[in-house]
C-alpha cells in the first residue's frame, strides 16, 4: 500500500495479466445516517464547519441520496439556488435528511 502526496491510500493489485495495477482505496467511516461502515465522501462538500461535519460523519452513498433528493426539491419547487431563502431551505432540508434520519416529503 502506498500513500500519495495528499495522504490518500493506493493499493497495488496483480491483474489477471500479471501486470500490477493501482486502485484508489476510499477510507471507511461509520455513517451517522445509515449506521453502516461505508466509503467516505471523496471531498468535503463545503469549506465550513458543516462541511467538515458532513465529511466526517456521512458516507458517500448517503450523500448521493441527498444530492438526488436535493435535485428533486429544486425541480419540484422551482427553486432558484441563487436565492438566499432557497439556499436556507435546502440547508435545513439537508440537515434534516442527513442528521435527523428524515425523508423529504414533496407536497
C-alpha atoms as a PDB file:
ATOM      1  CA  UNK A   1       0.000   0.000   0.000  1.00  0.00           C
ATOM      2  CA  UNK A   2       1.318   3.419  -0.930  1.00  0.00           C
ATOM      3  CA  UNK A   3       0.305   6.911   0.010  1.00  0.00           C
ATOM      4  CA  UNK A   4       0.291   9.773  -2.430  1.00  0.00           C
ATOM      5  CA  UNK A   5       1.315  13.370  -1.897  1.00  0.00           C
ATOM      6  CA  UNK A   6      -2.046  14.116  -0.249  1.00  0.00           C
ATOM      7  CA  UNK A   7      -2.028  11.108   2.079  1.00  0.00           C
ATOM      8  CA  UNK A   8      -4.599   9.130   0.075  1.00  0.00           C
ATOM      9  CA  UNK A   9      -4.110   5.379   0.071  1.00  0.00           C
ATOM     10  CA  UNK A  10      -3.434   3.323  -3.019  1.00  0.00           C
ATOM     11  CA  UNK A  11      -3.188  -0.453  -3.201  1.00  0.00           C
ATOM     12  CA  UNK A  12      -1.202  -2.442  -5.692  1.00  0.00           C
ATOM     13  CA  UNK A  13      -3.005  -5.492  -7.015  1.00  0.00           C
ATOM     14  CA  UNK A  14      -1.995  -8.003  -9.627  1.00  0.00           C
ATOM     15  CA  UNK A  15      -4.400  -8.235 -12.522  1.00  0.00           C
ATOM     16  CA  UNK A  16      -5.048 -11.418 -14.468  1.00  0.00           C
ATOM     17  CA  UNK A  17      -2.432 -10.374 -16.999  1.00  0.00           C
ATOM     18  CA  UNK A  18       0.169 -10.340 -14.183  1.00  0.00           C
ATOM     19  CA  UNK A  19       0.565  -6.597 -14.640  1.00  0.00           C
ATOM     20  CA  UNK A  20       0.453  -4.553 -11.461  1.00  0.00           C
ATOM     21  CA  UNK A  21      -2.340  -2.006 -11.241  1.00  0.00           C
ATOM     22  CA  UNK A  22      -3.044   0.597  -8.597  1.00  0.00           C
ATOM     23  CA  UNK A  23      -6.512   1.174  -7.216  1.00  0.00           C
ATOM     24  CA  UNK A  24      -7.654   4.047  -5.041  1.00  0.00           C
ATOM     25  CA  UNK A  25      -8.918   2.846  -1.658  1.00  0.00           C
ATOM     26  CA  UNK A  26     -11.573   5.051  -0.079  1.00  0.00           C
ATOM     27  CA  UNK A  27     -11.356   5.354   3.699  1.00  0.00           C
ATOM     28  CA  UNK A  28     -14.338   3.889   5.549  1.00  0.00           C
ATOM     29  CA  UNK A  29     -16.380   5.743   8.148  1.00  0.00           C
ATOM     30  CA  UNK A  30     -19.236   4.811  10.453  1.00  0.00           C
ATOM     31  CA  UNK A  31     -22.101   6.814   8.929  1.00  0.00           C
ATOM     32  CA  UNK A  32     -24.436   8.548  11.370  1.00  0.00           C
ATOM     33  CA  UNK A  33     -27.366   8.435   8.929  1.00  0.00           C
ATOM     34  CA  UNK A  34     -27.437   4.771   7.908  1.00  0.00           C
ATOM     35  CA  UNK A  35     -25.401   3.338  10.795  1.00  0.00           C
ATOM     36  CA  UNK A  36     -23.176   1.294   8.474  1.00  0.00           C
ATOM     37  CA  UNK A  37     -19.447   1.392   7.843  1.00  0.00           C
ATOM     38  CA  UNK A  38     -19.106   2.587   4.261  1.00  0.00           C
ATOM     39  CA  UNK A  39     -16.864   4.600   1.940  1.00  0.00           C
ATOM     40  CA  UNK A  40     -16.251   8.185   2.933  1.00  0.00           C
ATOM     41  CA  UNK A  41     -17.134  11.013   0.554  1.00  0.00           C
ATOM     42  CA  UNK A  42     -14.395  11.841  -1.934  1.00  0.00           C
ATOM     43  CA  UNK A  43     -14.301  15.510  -0.877  1.00  0.00           C
ATOM     44  CA  UNK A  44     -15.529  17.919   1.765  1.00  0.00           C
ATOM     45  CA  UNK A  45     -18.701  19.475   0.270  1.00  0.00           C
ATOM     46  CA  UNK A  46     -18.441  22.895   1.987  1.00  0.00           C
ATOM     47  CA  UNK A  47     -15.471  24.807   3.340  1.00  0.00           C
ATOM     48  CA  UNK A  48     -17.001  25.453   6.764  1.00  0.00           C
ATOM     49  CA  UNK A  49     -17.900  23.594   9.972  1.00  0.00           C
ATOM     50  CA  UNK A  50     -20.956  21.951   8.393  1.00  0.00           C
ATOM     51  CA  UNK A  51     -18.806  20.661   5.525  1.00  0.00           C
ATOM     52  CA  UNK A  52     -16.300  19.185   7.964  1.00  0.00           C
ATOM     53  CA  UNK A  53     -19.124  17.519   9.913  1.00  0.00           C
ATOM     54  CA  UNK A  54     -20.633  16.083   6.714  1.00  0.00           C
ATOM     55  CA  UNK A  55     -17.248  14.776   5.555  1.00  0.00           C
ATOM     56  CA  UNK A  56     -16.518  13.161   8.914  1.00  0.00           C
ATOM     57  CA  UNK A  57     -19.950  11.633   9.601  1.00  0.00           C
ATOM     58  CA  UNK A  58     -21.804  10.953   6.318  1.00  0.00           C
ATOM     59  CA  UNK A  59     -20.922   8.160   3.883  1.00  0.00           C
ATOM     60  CA  UNK A  60     -20.741   8.556   0.111  1.00  0.00           C
ATOM     61  CA  UNK A  61     -23.956   6.564  -0.646  1.00  0.00           C
ATOM     62  CA  UNK A  62     -25.997   8.689   1.795  1.00  0.00           C
ATOM     63  CA  UNK A  63     -24.510  11.859   0.296  1.00  0.00           C
ATOM     64  CA  UNK A  64     -25.521  10.618  -3.171  1.00  0.00           C
ATOM     65  CA  UNK A  65     -29.077  10.038  -1.874  1.00  0.00           C
ATOM     66  CA  UNK A  66     -29.134  13.625  -0.610  1.00  0.00           C
ATOM     67  CA  UNK A  67     -27.932  15.008  -3.962  1.00  0.00           C
ATOM     68  CA  UNK A  68     -30.792  13.153  -5.673  1.00  0.00           C
ATOM     69  CA  UNK A  69     -33.357  14.404  -3.133  1.00  0.00           C
ATOM     70  CA  UNK A  70     -31.978  17.948  -3.419  1.00  0.00           C
ATOM     71  CA  UNK A  71     -32.383  17.889  -7.202  1.00  0.00           C
ATOM     72  CA  UNK A  72     -35.961  16.667  -6.802  1.00  0.00           C
ATOM     73  CA  UNK A  73     -36.691  19.551  -4.407  1.00  0.00           C
ATOM     74  CA  UNK A  74     -35.163  22.112  -6.756  1.00  0.00           C
ATOM     75  CA  UNK A  75     -37.250  20.822  -9.648  1.00  0.00           C
ATOM     76  CA  UNK A  76     -40.468  20.304  -7.665  1.00  0.00           C
ATOM     77  CA  UNK A  77     -40.498  23.749  -6.054  1.00  0.00           C
ATOM     78  CA  UNK A  78     -38.786  25.547  -8.950  1.00  0.00           C
ATOM     79  CA  UNK A  79     -36.095  26.863  -6.621  1.00  0.00           C
ATOM     80  CA  UNK A  80     -33.584  29.464  -7.727  1.00  0.00           C
ATOM     81  CA  UNK A  81     -30.407  28.277  -5.999  1.00  0.00           C
ATOM     82  CA  UNK A  82     -29.032  31.823  -6.043  1.00  0.00           C
ATOM     83  CA  UNK A  83     -31.891  32.988  -3.810  1.00  0.00           C
ATOM     84  CA  UNK A  84     -30.800  33.152  -0.137  1.00  0.00           C
ATOM     85  CA  UNK A  85     -34.202  31.851   1.051  1.00  0.00           C
ATOM     86  CA  UNK A  86     -33.931  28.848  -1.275  1.00  0.00           C
ATOM     87  CA  UNK A  87     -30.381  28.154  -0.040  1.00  0.00           C
ATOM     88  CA  UNK A  88     -31.565  28.329   3.566  1.00  0.00           C
ATOM     89  CA  UNK A  89     -34.422  25.929   2.816  1.00  0.00           C
ATOM     90  CA  UNK A  90     -32.055  23.467   1.122  1.00  0.00           C
ATOM     91  CA  UNK A  91     -29.561  23.617   4.004  1.00  0.00           C
ATOM     92  CA  UNK A  92     -32.287  22.975   6.594  1.00  0.00           C
ATOM     93  CA  UNK A  93     -33.660  20.119   4.498  1.00  0.00           C
ATOM     94  CA  UNK A  94     -30.158  18.690   4.125  1.00  0.00           C
ATOM     95  CA  UNK A  95     -29.571  18.685   7.873  1.00  0.00           C
ATOM     96  CA  UNK A  96     -32.967  17.046   8.444  1.00  0.00           C
ATOM     97  CA  UNK A  97     -32.340  14.428   5.736  1.00  0.00           C
ATOM     98  CA  UNK A  98     -28.797  13.525   6.771  1.00  0.00           C
ATOM     99  CA  UNK A  99     -28.672  14.029  10.521  1.00  0.00           C
ATOM    100  CA  UNK A 100     -32.272  13.581  11.702  1.00  0.00           C
ATOM    101  CA  UNK A 101     -32.769  10.500   9.528  1.00  0.00           C
ATOM    102  CA  UNK A 102     -35.828  12.030   7.924  1.00  0.00           C
ATOM    103  CA  UNK A 103     -37.097  11.747   4.396  1.00  0.00           C
ATOM    104  CA  UNK A 104     -38.025  14.745   2.297  1.00  0.00           C
ATOM    105  CA  UNK A 105     -41.758  14.977   1.590  1.00  0.00           C
ATOM    106  CA  UNK A 106     -42.593  16.881  -1.585  1.00  0.00           C
ATOM    107  CA  UNK A 107     -46.090  18.300  -1.459  1.00  0.00           C
END
